[in-house]
Amino acid sequence: MLNFDLVAANLLSPAVICFALGAFAAYVKSDLRVPQQVHETISMYLLFSIGLKGGIALDNSAGASMLLPFLATIFMGVLTPLVAFYVARQIGKQSIVDSGAMAAHFGSVSAVTFMAALNFATLSGFKIEGYLTALLIVLEVPGIIIGIVLARLMSENRTISVNHVLREAITSKSVMLMGGGLLVGLLTDAKGIEAVSTVFITPFQGVLAFFLLELGVVALKRLRESKAPLPFMLAFGITMPILFGTIGLIVGHFAGFSIGGTAVFATMAASASYIAAPAAVRMAMPEANEGLYLTTSISITLPFNIIIGIPAYFAVSQMISGWPTVAALLP
């Protein structure tokens, strides 16, 4: 049974309340907007900060086995875009290009949703593995590549440079900032970390809440302005995170993650990119319907995960914590 204490705690957290406030402001057509340059700066700050925190945690957990978690991440990175493409194309009856774009977004990962899951874990007292940030970076790239390649292989226009797409994905802002932060956190000693902690660690939760205020505005405005088919976007944007989150819970548990780690891993699997994937898709498939893939990921899947999905993943992770893991089953 779902732990309603977790749901209530999540709904009343500053991050979720700020997101709802932003959506309400857009609904009543308020002029509330965070300037684009400020929004971009905050986005960069959060991405670097989460990488830094992950690097510190990774350094503290040196020696922990990452083989099964790494394999689990690759498995989800391949499975989710394939399933998303099939559902969008065969069930949703979307075009090949739009199906590929949806696969790229839902096969990748949302760093903001990951941050919200970490924030929830901290507030709820769950411990998580330090290497999850590294796995987040690993998970971001395969889905983008697979979604774009699938679309090109199945369409008449097969001209595609995989090298260009790969370069776009790997050198994207999110990967560079999180990867750079990870290295800084991993290589810097305790005294150096202490010197920057008041900037990059202590204010994190407050900055995230303010960032989600703007995302609430953007999410509702995109939903209101989109001309893409709303029934399909709602069905796809909700069923995919439920399906991928469920698979992520099972795979994460068997891979040996902790209760909190399993829930965060499921959140990663259930999320949809709206930073790295859009840039790659715009370059490789400019003909794809941006109103479809971007609105679904940011206006439907993002709020679903932040408000409902994250506490549900943590609650179910607690429920299945007694199941055996792969390590326990091996002789």
C-alpha atoms as a PDB file:
ATOM      1  CA  MET A   1       0.000   0.000   0.000  1.00  0.00           C
ATOM      2  CA  LEU A   2       1.193   3.514  -0.814  1.00  0.00           C
ATOM      3  CA  ASN A   3       2.663   5.333   2.162  1.00  0.00           C
ATOM      4  CA  PHE A   4       0.468   8.441   2.306  1.00  0.00           C
ATOM      5  CA  ASP A   5       2.812  10.072   4.816  1.00  0.00           C
ATOM      6  CA  LEU A   6       5.441  10.159   2.064  1.00  0.00           C
ATOM      7  CA  VAL A   7       2.907  11.564  -0.411  1.00  0.00           C
ATOM      8  CA  ALA A   8       1.813  14.265   2.033  1.00  0.00           C
ATOM      9  CA  ALA A   9       5.407  15.156   2.891  1.00  0.00           C
ATOM     10  CA  ASN A  10       6.214  15.492  -0.804  1.00  0.00           C
ATOM     11  CA  LEU A  11       3.140  17.598  -1.597  1.00  0.00           C
ATOM     12  CA  LEU A  12       3.984  19.977   1.237  1.00  0.00           C
ATOM     13  CA  SER A  13       7.687  20.256   0.391  1.00  0.00           C
ATOM     14  CA  PRO A  14       8.914  23.702  -0.735  1.00  0.00           C
ATOM     15  CA  ALA A  15       9.939  22.382  -4.162  1.00  0.00           C
ATOM     16  CA  VAL A  16       6.495  20.989  -5.032  1.00  0.00           C
ATOM     17  CA  ILE A  17       4.663  23.997  -3.590  1.00  0.00           C
ATOM     18  CA  CYS A  18       6.840  26.315  -5.694  1.00  0.00           C
ATOM     19  CA  PHE A  19       6.119  24.249  -8.819  1.00  0.00           C
ATOM     20  CA  ALA A  20       2.372  24.436  -8.101  1.00  0.00           C
ATOM     21  CA  LEU A  21       2.636  28.182  -7.467  1.00  0.00           C
ATOM     22  CA  GLY A  22       4.300  28.681 -10.837  1.00  0.00           C
ATOM     23  CA  ALA A  23       1.612  26.637 -12.587  1.00  0.00           C
ATOM     24  CA  PHE A  24      -1.114  28.624 -10.814  1.00  0.00           C
ATOM     25  CA  ALA A  25       0.532  31.894 -11.817  1.00  0.00           C
ATOM     26  CA  ALA A  26       0.489  30.784 -15.452  1.00  0.00           C
ATOM     27  CA  TYR A  27      -3.123  29.612 -15.126  1.00  0.00           C
ATOM     28  CA  VAL A  28      -4.336  33.019 -13.911  1.00  0.00           C
ATOM     29  CA  LYS A  29      -2.122  34.684 -16.556  1.00  0.00           C
ATOM     30  CA  SER A  30       0.101  36.465 -14.075  1.00  0.00           C
ATOM     31  CA  ASP A  31       3.185  38.244 -15.393  1.00  0.00           C
ATOM     32  CA  LEU A  32       5.341  36.154 -13.039  1.00  0.00           C
ATOM     33  CA  ARG A  33       8.398  34.999 -14.972  1.00  0.00           C
ATOM     34  CA  VAL A  34      12.010  34.431 -14.044  1.00  0.00           C
ATOM     35  CA  PRO A  35      14.187  36.205 -16.653  1.00  0.00           C
ATOM     36  CA  GLN A  36      15.641  33.744 -19.154  1.00  0.00           C
ATOM     37  CA  GLN A  37      19.258  34.558 -18.291  1.00  0.00           C
ATOM     38  CA  VAL A  38      18.566  34.042 -14.581  1.00  0.00           C
ATOM     39  CA  HIS A  39      16.773  30.773 -15.319  1.00  0.00           C
ATOM     40  CA  GLU A  40      19.723  29.593 -17.419  1.00  0.00           C
ATOM     41  CA  THR A  41      22.194  30.528 -14.679  1.00  0.00           C
ATOM     42  CA  ILE A  42      20.195  28.672 -12.022  1.00  0.00           C
ATOM     43  CA  SER A  43      19.968  25.638 -14.306  1.00  0.00           C
ATOM     44  CA  MET A  44      23.752  25.591 -14.722  1.00  0.00           C
ATOM     45  CA  TYR A  45      24.245  26.056 -10.974  1.00  0.00           C
ATOM     46  CA  LEU A  46      21.979  23.104 -10.135  1.00  0.00           C
ATOM     47  CA  LEU A  47      23.589  20.794 -12.697  1.00  0.00           C
ATOM     48  CA  PHE A  48      27.098  21.578 -11.448  1.00  0.00           C
ATOM     49  CA  SER A  49      26.002  21.355  -7.821  1.00  0.00           C
ATOM     50  CA  ILE A  50      24.428  17.919  -8.236  1.00  0.00           C
ATOM     51  CA  GLY A  51      27.589  16.712  -9.971  1.00  0.00           C
ATOM     52  CA  LEU A  52      29.734  18.114  -7.151  1.00  0.00           C
ATOM     53  CA  LYS A  53      27.606  16.442  -4.466  1.00  0.00           C
ATOM     54  CA  GLY A  54      27.725  13.189  -6.416  1.00  0.00           C
ATOM     55  CA  GLY A  55      31.515  13.379  -6.690  1.00  0.00           C
ATOM     56  CA  ILE A  56      31.855  13.918  -2.932  1.00  0.00           C
ATOM     57  CA  ALA A  57      29.549  10.976  -2.209  1.00  0.00           C
ATOM     58  CA  LEU A  58      31.342   8.839  -4.785  1.00  0.00           C
ATOM     59  CA  ASP A  59      34.683   9.603  -3.136  1.00  0.00           C
ATOM     60  CA  ASN A  60      33.258   8.621   0.250  1.00  0.00           C
ATOM     61  CA  SER A  61      31.900   5.352  -1.143  1.00  0.00           C
ATOM     62  CA  ALA A  62      35.129   4.340  -2.894  1.00  0.00           C
ATOM     63  CA  GLY A  63      35.410   0.584  -3.123  1.00  0.00           C
ATOM     64  CA  ALA A  64      31.680  -0.030  -3.548  1.00  0.00           C
ATOM     65  CA  SER A  65      30.922  -2.445  -6.383  1.00  0.00           C
ATOM     66  CA  MET A  66      29.358  -0.621  -9.337  1.00  0.00           C
ATOM     67  CA  LEU A  67      29.235  -3.502 -11.825  1.00  0.00           C
ATOM     68  CA  LEU A  68      25.610  -4.578 -11.331  1.00  0.00           C
ATOM     69  CA  PRO A  69      24.312  -0.990 -10.971  1.00  0.00           C
ATOM     70  CA  PHE A  70      26.219  -0.010 -14.126  1.00  0.00           C
ATOM     71  CA  LEU A  71      24.789  -2.966 -16.075  1.00  0.00           C
ATOM     72  CA  ALA A  72      21.313  -2.141 -14.754  1.00  0.00           C
ATOM     73  CA  THR A  73      21.727   1.433 -16.001  1.00  0.00           C
ATOM     74  CA  ILE A  74      22.798   0.320 -19.478  1.00  0.00           C
ATOM     75  CA  PHE A  75      19.871  -2.127 -19.585  1.00  0.00           C
ATOM     76  CA  MET A  76      17.377   0.634 -18.769  1.00  0.00           C
ATOM     77  CA  GLY A  77      19.108   3.009 -21.181  1.00  0.00           C
ATOM     78  CA  VAL A  78      18.499   0.562 -24.041  1.00  0.00           C
ATOM     79  CA  LEU A  79      15.080  -0.755 -22.993  1.00  0.00           C
ATOM     80  CA  THR A  80      13.256   2.533 -22.388  1.00  0.00           C
ATOM     81  CA  PRO A  81      13.788   4.147 -25.829  1.00  0.00           C
ATOM     82  CA  LEU A  82      12.867   0.892 -27.596  1.00  0.00           C
ATOM     83  CA  VAL A  83       9.620   0.574 -25.641  1.00  0.00           C
ATOM     84  CA  ALA A  84       8.819   4.287 -25.981  1.00  0.00           C
ATOM     85  CA  PHE A  85       9.336   4.128 -29.755  1.00  0.00           C
ATOM     86  CA  TYR A  86       7.110   1.056 -30.093  1.00  0.00           C
ATOM     87  CA  VAL A  87       4.312   2.558 -27.990  1.00  0.00           C
ATOM     88  CA  ALA A  88       4.397   5.920 -29.772  1.00  0.00           C
ATOM     89  CA  ARG A  89       4.499   4.333 -33.225  1.00  0.00           C
ATOM     90  CA  GLN A  90       2.322   1.216 -32.924  1.00  0.00           C
ATOM     91  CA  ILE A  91      -0.168   2.242 -30.243  1.00  0.00           C
ATOM     92  CA  GLY A  92      -0.095   6.030 -30.470  1.00  0.00           C
ATOM     93  CA  LYS A  93       0.062   5.972 -34.301  1.00  0.00           C
ATOM     94  CA  GLN A  94       2.585   8.804 -34.361  1.00  0.00           C
ATOM     95  CA  SER A  95       4.923   9.370 -37.302  1.00  0.00           C
ATOM     96  CA  ILE A  96       8.286   7.617 -37.380  1.00  0.00           C
ATOM     97  CA  VAL A  97      10.129  10.875 -36.740  1.00  0.00           C
ATOM     98  CA  ASP A  98       7.893  11.907 -33.838  1.00  0.00           C
ATOM     99  CA  SER A  99       8.119   8.400 -32.370  1.00  0.00           C
ATOM    100  CA  GLY A 100      11.902   8.642 -32.517  1.00  0.00           C
ATOM    101  CA  ALA A 101      11.809  12.036 -30.818  1.00  0.00           C
ATOM    102  CA  MET A 102       9.588  10.670 -28.039  1.00  0.00           C
ATOM    103  CA  ALA A 103      11.925   7.684 -27.645  1.00  0.00           C
ATOM    104  CA  ALA A 104      14.943   9.986 -27.367  1.00  0.00           C
ATOM    105  CA  HIS A 105      13.302  12.044 -24.622  1.00  0.00           C
ATOM    106  CA  PHE A 106      11.802   9.196 -22.597  1.00  0.00           C
ATOM    107  CA  GLY A 107      14.881   7.025 -23.061  1.00  0.00           C
ATOM    108  CA  SER A 108      17.067   9.760 -21.607  1.00  0.00           C
ATOM    109  CA  VAL A 109      16.797  11.245 -18.120  1.00  0.00           C
ATOM    110  CA  SER A 110      15.689  14.466 -16.436  1.00  0.00           C
ATOM    111  CA  ALA A 111      18.351  15.941 -14.184  1.00  0.00           C
ATOM    112  CA  VAL A 112      15.739  18.141 -12.481  1.00  0.00           C
ATOM    113  CA  THR A 113      13.556  15.131 -11.617  1.00  0.00           C
ATOM    114  CA  PHE A 114      16.690  13.417 -10.300  1.00  0.00           C
ATOM    115  CA  MET A 115      17.401  16.470  -8.124  1.00  0.00           C
ATOM    116  CA  ALA A 116      13.829  16.398  -6.830  1.00  0.00           C
ATOM    117  CA  ALA A 117      14.249  12.709  -5.927  1.00  0.00           C
ATOM    118  CA  LEU A 118      17.506  13.446  -4.085  1.00  0.00           C
ATOM    119  CA  ASN A 119      15.803  16.313  -2.289  1.00  0.00           C
ATOM    120  CA  PHE A 120      12.941  14.014  -1.277  1.00  0.00           C
ATOM    121  CA  ALA A 121      15.402  11.368  -0.062  1.00  0.00           C
ATOM    122  CA  THR A 122      17.229  13.947   2.068  1.00  0.00           C
ATOM    123  CA  LEU A 123      14.046  15.347   3.610  1.00  0.00           C
ATOM    124  CA  SER A 124      12.661  11.842   4.274  1.00  0.00           C
ATOM    125  CA  GLY A 125      15.874  10.431   5.750  1.00  0.00           C
ATOM    126  CA  PHE A 126      16.671   7.889   3.028  1.00  0.00           C
ATOM    127  CA  LYS A 127      20.323   7.132   2.295  1.00  0.00           C
ATOM    128  CA  ILE A 128      21.392   6.707  -1.318  1.00  0.00           C
ATOM    129  CA  GLU A 129      24.489   5.489  -3.128  1.00  0.00           C
ATOM    130  CA  GLY A 130      27.062   8.130  -4.005  1.00  0.00           C
ATOM    131  CA  TYR A 131      27.610   6.792  -7.511  1.00  0.00           C
ATOM    132  CA  LEU A 132      24.016   7.473  -8.651  1.00  0.00           C
ATOM    133  CA  THR A 133      25.074  10.811 -10.147  1.00  0.00           C
ATOM    134  CA  ALA A 134      27.650   9.003 -12.279  1.00  0.00           C
ATOM    135  CA  LEU A 135      24.923   6.594 -13.410  1.00  0.00           C
ATOM    136  CA  LEU A 136      22.688   9.563 -14.224  1.00  0.00           C
ATOM    137  CA  ILE A 137      25.312  10.785 -16.675  1.00  0.00           C
ATOM    138  CA  VAL A 138      25.623   7.277 -18.154  1.00  0.00           C
ATOM    139  CA  LEU A 139      21.841   7.027 -18.590  1.00  0.00           C
ATOM    140  CA  GLU A 140      21.479  10.370 -20.349  1.00  0.00           C
ATOM    141  CA  VAL A 141      23.172   9.453 -23.632  1.00  0.00           C
ATOM    142  CA  PRO A 142      22.040   5.976 -24.927  1.00  0.00           C
ATOM    143  CA  GLY A 143      18.332   6.823 -25.159  1.00  0.00           C
ATOM    144  CA  ILE A 144      18.998   9.910 -27.259  1.00  0.00           C
ATOM    145  CA  ILE A 145      21.172   7.979 -29.701  1.00  0.00           C
ATOM    146  CA  ILE A 146      18.786   5.014 -29.957  1.00  0.00           C
ATOM    147  CA  GLY A 147      15.699   7.185 -30.481  1.00  0.00           C
ATOM    148  CA  ILE A 148      17.293   9.195 -33.275  1.00  0.00           C
ATOM    149  CA  VAL A 149      18.879   6.164 -34.956  1.00  0.00           C
ATOM    150  CA  LEU A 150      15.577   4.239 -34.853  1.00  0.00           C
ATOM    151  CA  ALA A 151      13.761   7.096 -36.545  1.00  0.00           C
ATOM    152  CA  ARG A 152      16.373   7.413 -39.271  1.00  0.00           C
ATOM    153  CA  LEU A 153      16.695   3.674 -39.915  1.00  0.00           C
ATOM    154  CA  MET A 154      12.938   3.296 -40.371  1.00  0.00           C
ATOM    155  CA  SER A 155      12.388   6.428 -42.451  1.00  0.00           C
ATOM    156  CA  GLU A 156      13.136   7.122 -46.081  1.00  0.00           C
ATOM    157  CA  ASN A 157      15.624   9.827 -45.164  1.00  0.00           C
ATOM    158  CA  ARG A 158      18.433   7.784 -43.647  1.00  0.00           C
ATOM    159  CA  THR A 159      21.084  10.475 -43.779  1.00  0.00           C
ATOM    160  CA  ILE A 160      22.345  10.717 -40.240  1.00  0.00           C
ATOM    161  CA  SER A 161      25.742  11.225 -38.707  1.00  0.00           C
ATOM    162  CA  VAL A 162      25.872   9.157 -35.545  1.00  0.00           C
ATOM    163  CA  ASN A 163      29.134  10.889 -34.644  1.00  0.00           C
ATOM    164  CA  HIS A 164      27.440  14.297 -34.728  1.00  0.00           C
ATOM    165  CA  VAL A 165      24.523  13.094 -32.617  1.00  0.00           C
ATOM    166  CA  LEU A 166      26.879  11.416 -30.153  1.00  0.00           C
ATOM    167  CA  ARG A 167      28.975  14.564 -29.914  1.00  0.00           C
ATOM    168  CA  GLU A 168      25.871  16.685 -29.301  1.00  0.00           C
ATOM    169  CA  ALA A 169      24.700  14.354 -26.527  1.00  0.00           C
ATOM    170  CA  ILE A 170      28.069  13.980 -24.799  1.00  0.00           C
ATOM    171  CA  THR A 171      29.025  17.649 -25.006  1.00  0.00           C
ATOM    172  CA  SER A 172      25.588  18.901 -23.963  1.00  0.00           C
ATOM    173  CA  LYS A 173      25.399  21.413 -21.136  1.00  0.00           C
ATOM    174  CA  SER A 174      23.915  18.947 -18.672  1.00  0.00           C
ATOM    175  CA  VAL A 175      26.535  16.243 -19.240  1.00  0.00           C
ATOM    176  CA  MET A 176      29.458  18.694 -19.155  1.00  0.00           C
ATOM    177  CA  LEU A 177      28.299  20.444 -15.977  1.00  0.00           C
ATOM    178  CA  MET A 178      27.369  17.279 -14.089  1.00  0.00           C
ATOM    179  CA  GLY A 179      30.477  15.470 -15.277  1.00  0.00           C
ATOM    180  CA  GLY A 180      32.685  18.434 -14.408  1.00  0.00           C
ATOM    181  CA  GLY A 181      31.100  18.781 -10.985  1.00  0.00           C
ATOM    182  CA  LEU A 182      31.549  15.062 -10.413  1.00  0.00           C
ATOM    183  CA  LEU A 183      35.272  15.328 -11.139  1.00  0.00           C
ATOM    184  CA  VAL A 184      35.668  18.365  -8.875  1.00  0.00           C
ATOM    185  CA  GLY A 185      33.912  16.593  -6.011  1.00  0.00           C
ATOM    186  CA  LEU A 186      35.911  13.422  -6.570  1.00  0.00           C
ATOM    187  CA  LEU A 187      39.343  15.054  -6.818  1.00  0.00           C
ATOM    188  CA  THR A 188      39.095  17.916  -4.300  1.00  0.00           C
ATOM    189  CA  ASP A 189      40.099  17.313  -0.685  1.00  0.00           C
ATOM    190  CA  ALA A 190      37.849  18.003   2.314  1.00  0.00           C
ATOM    191  CA  LYS A 191      39.293  21.491   2.916  1.00  0.00           C
ATOM    192  CA  GLY A 192      38.640  22.498  -0.679  1.00  0.00           C
ATOM    193  CA  ILE A 193      35.069  21.184  -0.546  1.00  0.00           C
ATOM    194  CA  GLU A 194      34.436  23.056   2.688  1.00  0.00           C
ATOM    195  CA  ALA A 195      35.510  26.289   0.999  1.00  0.00           C
ATOM    196  CA  VAL A 196      32.809  26.006  -1.691  1.00  0.00           C
ATOM    197  CA  SER A 197      30.088  24.207   0.276  1.00  0.00           C
ATOM    198  CA  THR A 198      28.373  27.448   1.309  1.00  0.00           C
ATOM    199  CA  VAL A 199      27.836  28.226  -2.379  1.00  0.00           C
ATOM    200  CA  PHE A 200      27.159  24.852  -3.983  1.00  0.00           C
ATOM    201  CA  ILE A 201      25.806  22.598  -1.217  1.00  0.00           C
ATOM    202  CA  THR A 202      24.034  24.533   1.555  1.00  0.00           C
ATOM    203  CA  PRO A 203      21.731  26.649  -0.702  1.00  0.00           C
ATOM    204  CA  PHE A 204      20.846  23.716  -3.011  1.00  0.00           C
ATOM    205  CA  GLN A 205      17.316  22.989  -1.754  1.00  0.00           C
ATOM    206  CA  GLY A 206      16.289  26.646  -1.787  1.00  0.00           C
ATOM    207  CA  VAL A 207      17.665  27.227  -5.280  1.00  0.00           C
ATOM    208  CA  LEU A 208      15.931  24.071  -6.547  1.00  0.00           C
ATOM    209  CA  ALA A 209      12.600  25.289  -5.146  1.00  0.00           C
ATOM    210  CA  PHE A 210      13.024  28.658  -6.891  1.00  0.00           C
ATOM    211  CA  PHE A 211      13.973  26.908 -10.145  1.00  0.00           C
ATOM    212  CA  LEU A 212      10.808  24.786  -9.985  1.00  0.00           C
ATOM    213  CA  LEU A 213       8.741  27.954  -9.601  1.00  0.00           C
ATOM    214  CA  GLU A 214       9.733  28.949 -13.133  1.00  0.00           C
ATOM    215  CA  LEU A 215       9.293  25.395 -14.423  1.00  0.00           C
ATOM    216  CA  GLY A 216       5.704  25.426 -13.149  1.00  0.00           C
ATOM    217  CA  VAL A 217       5.050  28.526 -15.252  1.00  0.00           C
ATOM    218  CA  VAL A 218       6.706  26.989 -18.323  1.00  0.00           C
ATOM    219  CA  ALA A 219       4.918  23.632 -17.942  1.00  0.00           C
ATOM    220  CA  LEU A 220       1.409  25.091 -17.880  1.00  0.00           C
ATOM    221  CA  LYS A 221       2.102  27.603 -20.644  1.00  0.00           C
ATOM    222  CA  ARG A 222       3.436  24.886 -22.940  1.00  0.00           C
ATOM    223  CA  LEU A 223       0.430  22.688 -22.221  1.00  0.00           C
ATOM    224  CA  ARG A 224      -1.942  25.563 -22.962  1.00  0.00           C
ATOM    225  CA  GLU A 225      -0.192  26.606 -26.171  1.00  0.00           C
ATOM    226  CA  SER A 226       0.544  23.150 -27.598  1.00  0.00           C
ATOM    227  CA  LYS A 227      -1.402  22.075 -30.684  1.00  0.00           C
ATOM    228  CA  ALA A 228      -0.293  18.440 -30.368  1.00  0.00           C
ATOM    229  CA  PRO A 229      -2.923  15.747 -29.550  1.00  0.00           C
ATOM    230  CA  LEU A 230      -3.645  16.147 -25.825  1.00  0.00           C
ATOM    231  CA  PRO A 231      -5.177  12.659 -25.215  1.00  0.00           C
ATOM    232  CA  PHE A 232      -2.056  10.951 -26.573  1.00  0.00           C
ATOM    233  CA  MET A 233       0.281  13.262 -24.653  1.00  0.00           C
ATOM    234  CA  LEU A 234      -1.583  12.630 -21.389  1.00  0.00           C
ATOM    235  CA  ALA A 235      -1.710   8.861 -21.900  1.00  0.00           C
ATOM    236  CA  PHE A 236       1.921   8.596 -22.990  1.00  0.00           C
ATOM    237  CA  GLY A 237       3.246  11.106 -20.461  1.00  0.00           C
ATOM    238  CA  ILE A 238       1.692   9.230 -17.535  1.00  0.00           C
ATOM    239  CA  THR A 239       1.826   5.554 -18.559  1.00  0.00           C
ATOM    240  CA  MET A 240       5.486   5.655 -19.588  1.00  0.00           C
ATOM    241  CA  PRO A 241       6.798   6.853 -16.198  1.00  0.00           C
ATOM    242  CA  ILE A 242       4.564   4.335 -14.422  1.00  0.00           C
ATOM    243  CA  LEU A 243       5.851   1.506 -16.630  1.00  0.00           C
ATOM    244  CA  PHE A 244       9.507   2.558 -16.609  1.00  0.00           C
ATOM    245  CA  GLY A 245       9.393   3.423 -12.915  1.00  0.00           C
ATOM    246  CA  THR A 246       8.021  -0.038 -12.113  1.00  0.00           C
ATOM    247  CA  ILE A 247      10.704  -1.745 -14.203  1.00  0.00           C
ATOM    248  CA  GLY A 248      13.324   0.534 -12.641  1.00  0.00           C
ATOM    249  CA  LEU A 249      12.206  -0.471  -9.143  1.00  0.00           C
ATOM    250  CA  ILE A 250      12.544  -4.173  -9.935  1.00  0.00           C
ATOM    251  CA  VAL A 251      15.844  -3.835 -11.813  1.00  0.00           C
ATOM    252  CA  GLY A 252      17.290  -1.446  -9.221  1.00  0.00           C
ATOM    253  CA  HIS A 253      16.404  -3.714  -6.320  1.00  0.00           C
ATOM    254  CA  PHE A 254      17.873  -6.810  -7.945  1.00  0.00           C
ATOM    255  CA  ALA A 255      21.007  -4.813  -8.826  1.00  0.00           C
ATOM    256  CA  GLY A 256      21.559  -4.263  -5.111  1.00  0.00           C
ATOM    257  CA  PHE A 257      20.643  -0.616  -4.577  1.00  0.00           C
ATOM    258  CA  SER A 258      19.499   0.495  -1.131  1.00  0.00           C
ATOM    259  CA  ILE A 259      15.836   1.409  -0.560  1.00  0.00           C
ATOM    260  CA  GLY A 260      16.546   5.062  -1.317  1.00  0.00           C
ATOM    261  CA  GLY A 261      18.884   4.203  -4.183  1.00  0.00           C
ATOM    262  CA  THR A 262      16.303   1.908  -5.777  1.00  0.00           C
ATOM    263  CA  ALA A 263      13.686   4.666  -5.628  1.00  0.00           C
ATOM    264  CA  VAL A 264      16.043   7.251  -7.139  1.00  0.00           C
ATOM    265  CA  PHE A 265      17.060   4.773  -9.861  1.00  0.00           C
ATOM    266  CA  ALA A 266      13.369   4.185 -10.637  1.00  0.00           C
ATOM    267  CA  THR A 267      12.866   7.946 -10.806  1.00  0.00           C
ATOM    268  CA  MET A 268      15.719   8.204 -13.296  1.00  0.00           C
ATOM    269  CA  ALA A 269      14.134   5.496 -15.454  1.00  0.00           C
ATOM    270  CA  ALA A 270      10.699   7.124 -15.218  1.00  0.00           C
ATOM    271  CA  SER A 271      11.849  10.631 -16.112  1.00  0.00           C
ATOM    272  CA  ALA A 272      12.045  12.288 -19.513  1.00  0.00           C
ATOM    273  CA  SER A 273      14.779  14.642 -20.665  1.00  0.00           C
ATOM    274  CA  TYR A 274      14.047  18.231 -21.621  1.00  0.00           C
ATOM    275  CA  ILE A 275      17.579  19.650 -21.650  1.00  0.00           C
ATOM    276  CA  ALA A 276      19.968  17.311 -23.486  1.00  0.00           C
ATOM    277  CA  ALA A 277      17.456  15.449 -25.679  1.00  0.00           C
ATOM    278  CA  PRO A 278      15.752  18.501 -27.240  1.00  0.00           C
ATOM    279  CA  ALA A 279      19.095  19.928 -28.378  1.00  0.00           C
ATOM    280  CA  ALA A 280      20.098  16.630 -30.020  1.00  0.00           C
ATOM    281  CA  VAL A 281      16.673  16.077 -31.604  1.00  0.00           C
ATOM    282  CA  ARG A 282      16.533  19.614 -33.019  1.00  0.00           C
ATOM    283  CA  MET A 283      19.880  19.011 -34.695  1.00  0.00           C
ATOM    284  CA  ALA A 284      19.224  15.484 -36.004  1.00  0.00           C
ATOM    285  CA  MET A 285      15.467  15.654 -36.677  1.00  0.00           C
ATOM    286  CA  PRO A 286      14.369  19.285 -37.095  1.00  0.00           C
ATOM    287  CA  GLU A 287      11.128  18.076 -38.686  1.00  0.00           C
ATOM    288  CA  ALA A 288       9.972  16.428 -35.429  1.00  0.00           C
ATOM    289  CA  ASN A 289       7.017  18.061 -33.657  1.00  0.00           C
ATOM    290  CA  GLU A 290       8.525  20.001 -30.745  1.00  0.00           C
ATOM    291  CA  GLY A 291       5.070  20.732 -29.380  1.00  0.00           C
ATOM    292  CA  LEU A 292       4.567  16.988 -28.958  1.00  0.00           C
ATOM    293  CA  TYR A 293       7.814  15.755 -27.419  1.00  0.00           C
ATOM    294  CA  LEU A 294       8.745  18.795 -25.341  1.00  0.00           C
ATOM    295  CA  THR A 295       5.250  19.468 -24.002  1.00  0.00           C
ATOM    296  CA  THR A 296       4.790  15.824 -23.013  1.00  0.00           C
ATOM    297  CA  SER A 297       8.105  15.668 -21.172  1.00  0.00           C
ATOM    298  CA  ILE A 298       7.982  19.012 -19.365  1.00  0.00           C
ATOM    299  CA  SER A 299       4.231  19.638 -18.940  1.00  0.00           C
ATOM    300  CA  ILE A 300       2.989  16.130 -18.157  1.00  0.00           C
ATOM    301  CA  THR A 301       5.752  13.707 -17.148  1.00  0.00           C
ATOM    302  CA  LEU A 302       7.772  16.195 -15.075  1.00  0.00           C
ATOM    303  CA  PRO A 303       4.869  17.285 -12.814  1.00  0.00           C
ATOM    304  CA  PHE A 304       3.556  13.714 -12.593  1.00  0.00           C
ATOM    305  CA  ASN A 305       6.901  12.474 -11.305  1.00  0.00           C
ATOM    306  CA  ILE A 306       7.518  15.401  -8.967  1.00  0.00           C
ATOM    307  CA  ILE A 307       4.048  15.350  -7.386  1.00  0.00           C
ATOM    308  CA  ILE A 308       3.014  11.665  -7.508  1.00  0.00           C
ATOM    309  CA  GLY A 309       5.769   9.482  -8.926  1.00  0.00           C
ATOM    310  CA  ILE A 310       8.654  10.174  -6.552  1.00  0.00           C
ATOM    311  CA  PRO A 311       6.813   9.396  -3.281  1.00  0.00           C
ATOM    312  CA  ALA A 312       5.248   6.351  -4.960  1.00  0.00           C
ATOM    313  CA  TYR A 313       8.659   5.006  -6.039  1.00  0.00           C
ATOM    314  CA  PHE A 314      10.013   5.417  -2.506  1.00  0.00           C
ATOM    315  CA  ALA A 315       6.943   3.734  -0.997  1.00  0.00           C
ATOM    316  CA  VAL A 316       7.124   0.746  -3.362  1.00  0.00           C
ATOM    317  CA  SER A 317      10.884   0.489  -2.848  1.00  0.00           C
ATOM    318  CA  GLN A 318      10.208   0.054   0.859  1.00  0.00           C
ATOM    319  CA  MET A 319       7.609  -2.622   0.095  1.00  0.00           C
ATOM    320  CA  ILE A 320       9.962  -4.733  -2.038  1.00  0.00           C
ATOM    321  CA  SER A 321      13.041  -4.253   0.138  1.00  0.00           C
ATOM    322  CA  GLY A 322      12.667  -7.789   1.483  1.00  0.00           C
ATOM    323  CA  TRP A 323      13.002  -9.372  -1.949  1.00  0.00           C
ATOM    324  CA  PRO A 324      16.305 -11.142  -2.691  1.00  0.00           C
ATOM    325  CA  THR A 325      18.926  -9.391  -4.823  1.00  0.00           C
ATOM    326  CA  VAL A 326      21.122 -10.852  -7.544  1.00  0.00           C
ATOM    327  CA  ALA A 327      24.109 -10.867  -5.170  1.00  0.00           C
ATOM    328  CA  ALA A 328      22.076 -12.794  -2.590  1.00  0.00           C
ATOM    329  CA  LEU A 329      21.009 -15.374  -5.171  1.00  0.00           C
ATOM    330  CA  LEU A 330      24.547 -16.025  -6.395  1.00  0.00           C
ATOM    331  CA  PRO A 331      26.463 -18.871  -4.686  1.00  0.00           C
END
